[in-house]
N, C-alpha and C. Protein backbone atom coordinates (compact mmCIF):
# COMPACT_ATOMS: atom_id res chain seq x y z
N MET A 1 -11.83 1.33 36.68
CA MET A 1 -10.69 1.20 35.65
C MET A 1 -9.36 2.16 36.05
N ASN A 2 -8.55 1.15 36.16
CA ASN A 2 -7.42 1.90 36.31
C ASN A 2 -6.66 2.38 35.21
N ILE A 3 -5.76 3.42 35.50
CA ILE A 3 -5.27 4.33 34.14
C ILE A 3 -4.10 3.25 33.30
N GLN A 4 -3.55 2.00 33.84
CA GLN A 4 -3.01 1.30 32.92
C GLN A 4 -3.61 0.47 31.91
N LEU A 5 -4.94 0.21 32.26
CA LEU A 5 -6.00 -0.55 31.46
C LEU A 5 -6.39 0.40 30.55
N ILE A 6 -6.68 1.60 30.80
CA ILE A 6 -7.07 2.55 29.92
C ILE A 6 -6.23 2.84 28.67
N ILE A 7 -4.55 3.22 29.06
CA ILE A 7 -3.29 3.03 28.19
C ILE A 7 -3.37 2.24 27.29
N VAL A 8 -3.37 1.12 27.73
CA VAL A 8 -3.26 -0.42 26.58
C VAL A 8 -4.35 -0.52 25.81
N ALA A 9 -5.50 0.08 26.48
CA ALA A 9 -7.01 -0.13 25.67
C ALA A 9 -6.76 1.11 24.49
N LEU A 10 -6.15 2.06 24.92
CA LEU A 10 -6.35 2.80 23.77
C LEU A 10 -5.57 2.79 22.56
N LEU A 11 -4.02 2.06 23.03
CA LEU A 11 -3.10 1.72 22.26
C LEU A 11 -3.17 0.51 21.28
N PHE A 12 -4.15 -0.14 21.99
CA PHE A 12 -4.58 -1.51 21.16
C PHE A 12 -5.64 -0.99 20.18
N ALA A 13 -6.46 -0.29 20.41
CA ALA A 13 -7.40 0.66 19.42
C ALA A 13 -6.86 1.20 18.40
N ALA A 14 -5.80 2.02 18.67
CA ALA A 14 -4.95 2.43 17.62
C ALA A 14 -4.19 2.06 16.48
N ALA A 15 -4.00 0.70 17.30
CA ALA A 15 -2.86 -0.18 16.20
C ALA A 15 -4.00 -0.98 15.48
N VAL A 16 -5.29 -1.39 15.97
CA VAL A 16 -6.15 -2.10 15.18
C VAL A 16 -6.71 -0.92 14.39
N PHE A 17 -6.95 0.03 14.30
CA PHE A 17 -7.07 1.12 13.51
C PHE A 17 -6.15 1.14 12.43
N HIS A 18 -4.79 1.44 12.68
CA HIS A 18 -3.83 1.49 11.90
C HIS A 18 -3.99 0.18 10.79
N VAL A 19 -3.66 -1.26 11.53
CA VAL A 19 -3.54 -2.00 10.54
C VAL A 19 -4.85 -2.40 9.84
N GLY A 20 -6.24 -1.83 10.11
CA GLY A 20 -7.39 -1.94 9.28
C GLY A 20 -6.93 -0.92 7.82
N ARG A 21 -6.54 0.29 8.48
CA ARG A 21 -6.28 1.20 7.25
C ARG A 21 -5.29 1.05 6.69
N LEU A 22 -4.30 0.18 6.61
CA LEU A 22 -3.30 -0.40 6.11
C LEU A 22 -3.67 -1.56 4.85
N VAL A 23 -4.84 -2.39 5.36
CA VAL A 23 -5.35 -3.50 4.52
C VAL A 23 -6.25 -2.93 3.79
N TYR A 24 -6.95 -2.14 3.99
CA TYR A 24 -8.17 -1.01 3.19
C TYR A 24 -7.19 -0.44 2.26
N LYS A 25 -6.02 0.10 2.60
CA LYS A 25 -5.51 0.90 1.25
C LYS A 25 -4.89 -0.21 0.51
N SER A 26 -4.31 -1.00 0.77
CA SER A 26 -3.77 -2.26 0.10
C SER A 26 -4.79 -3.20 -1.03
N LEU A 27 -6.18 -3.04 -0.47
CA LEU A 27 -7.05 -3.63 -1.51
C LEU A 27 -7.79 -2.64 -2.24
N THR A 28 -7.88 -1.41 -1.98
CA THR A 28 -8.61 -0.50 -2.94
C THR A 28 -7.87 -0.32 -4.07
N ALA A 29 -8.36 0.21 -5.24
CA ALA A 29 -7.80 0.43 -6.63
C ALA A 29 -7.01 1.76 -6.64
N LYS A 30 -5.90 1.76 -7.16
CA LYS A 30 -5.06 2.90 -7.41
C LYS A 30 -5.78 3.60 -8.67
N LYS A 31 -5.83 5.02 -8.17
CA LYS A 31 -6.46 5.99 -8.93
C LYS A 31 -5.71 6.44 -10.21
N GLY A 32 -4.49 6.70 -9.82
CA GLY A 32 -3.60 7.55 -10.99
C GLY A 32 -2.51 6.61 -11.11
N CYS A 33 -1.65 7.43 -11.96
CA CYS A 33 -0.21 7.09 -12.38
C CYS A 33 0.41 7.62 -11.23
N GLY A 34 1.45 6.65 -10.74
CA GLY A 34 2.42 7.02 -9.56
C GLY A 34 3.61 7.75 -10.23
N SER A 35 4.68 8.30 -9.23
CA SER A 35 5.56 8.65 -9.96
C SER A 35 6.62 7.83 -10.35
N ASN A 36 6.98 7.82 -11.73
CA ASN A 36 8.52 7.12 -12.27
C ASN A 36 7.83 5.57 -12.63
N CYS A 37 6.54 5.35 -12.87
CA CYS A 37 5.83 4.09 -12.98
C CYS A 37 6.06 3.65 -14.50
N LYS A 38 6.10 4.38 -15.51
CA LYS A 38 6.35 3.95 -16.53
C LYS A 38 5.26 3.28 -17.16
N CYS A 39 4.15 3.59 -16.78
CA CYS A 39 2.75 2.86 -17.42
C CYS A 39 2.11 3.50 -18.61
N GLY A 40 2.72 4.58 -18.83
CA GLY A 40 2.41 5.21 -20.23
C GLY A 40 3.47 5.06 -21.23
N VAL A 41 4.23 4.38 -21.06
CA VAL A 41 5.63 4.10 -22.36
C VAL A 41 5.30 3.00 -23.11
N ASP A 42 5.63 3.69 -24.19
CA ASP A 42 5.21 2.74 -25.45
C ASP A 42 6.67 1.66 -25.55
N PHE A 43 6.42 0.42 -25.32
CA PHE A 43 7.30 -0.60 -25.69
C PHE A 43 7.35 -1.46 -27.10
N SER A 44 6.51 -0.84 -27.95
CA SER A 44 6.29 -1.77 -28.96
C SER A 44 7.44 -1.63 -30.00
N ASN A 45 8.36 -0.61 -29.83
CA ASN A 45 9.23 -0.36 -31.03
C ASN A 45 10.92 -1.15 -30.53
N ILE A 46 10.75 -1.74 -28.87
CA ILE A 46 12.03 -2.29 -28.60
C ILE A 46 11.94 -3.74 -29.11
N ASP A 47 13.30 -3.91 -29.43
CA ASP A 47 13.68 -5.57 -30.08
C ASP A 47 13.49 -6.43 -28.90
N SER A 48 13.36 -7.38 -28.74
CA SER A 48 13.36 -8.31 -28.04
C SER A 48 14.98 -9.21 -27.82
N PRO A 49 15.47 -9.64 -27.19
CA PRO A 49 17.09 -10.10 -27.14
C PRO A 49 16.88 -11.55 -28.00
N LYS A 50 17.82 -11.70 -28.65
CA LYS A 50 18.07 -12.81 -29.95
C LYS A 50 18.51 -14.09 -28.88
N ASN A 51 17.99 -14.97 -29.14
CA ASN A 51 18.10 -16.54 -28.49
C ASN A 51 19.52 -16.88 -29.19
N ARG A 52 20.49 -17.30 -28.24
CA ARG A 52 21.60 -17.87 -28.56
C ARG A 52 21.91 -19.18 -28.35
């Protein structure tokens, strides 16, 4: 094997690993509340806009 083929194979393996990791992270459930997500805010006292 020449050095160019080894470099291309390593880059390809790194790219496949990176894409696989992105897909895995997007499919797994989020554990907690992120910053500034407002998931703990109570919106029950907010009036809805009036129909005109």
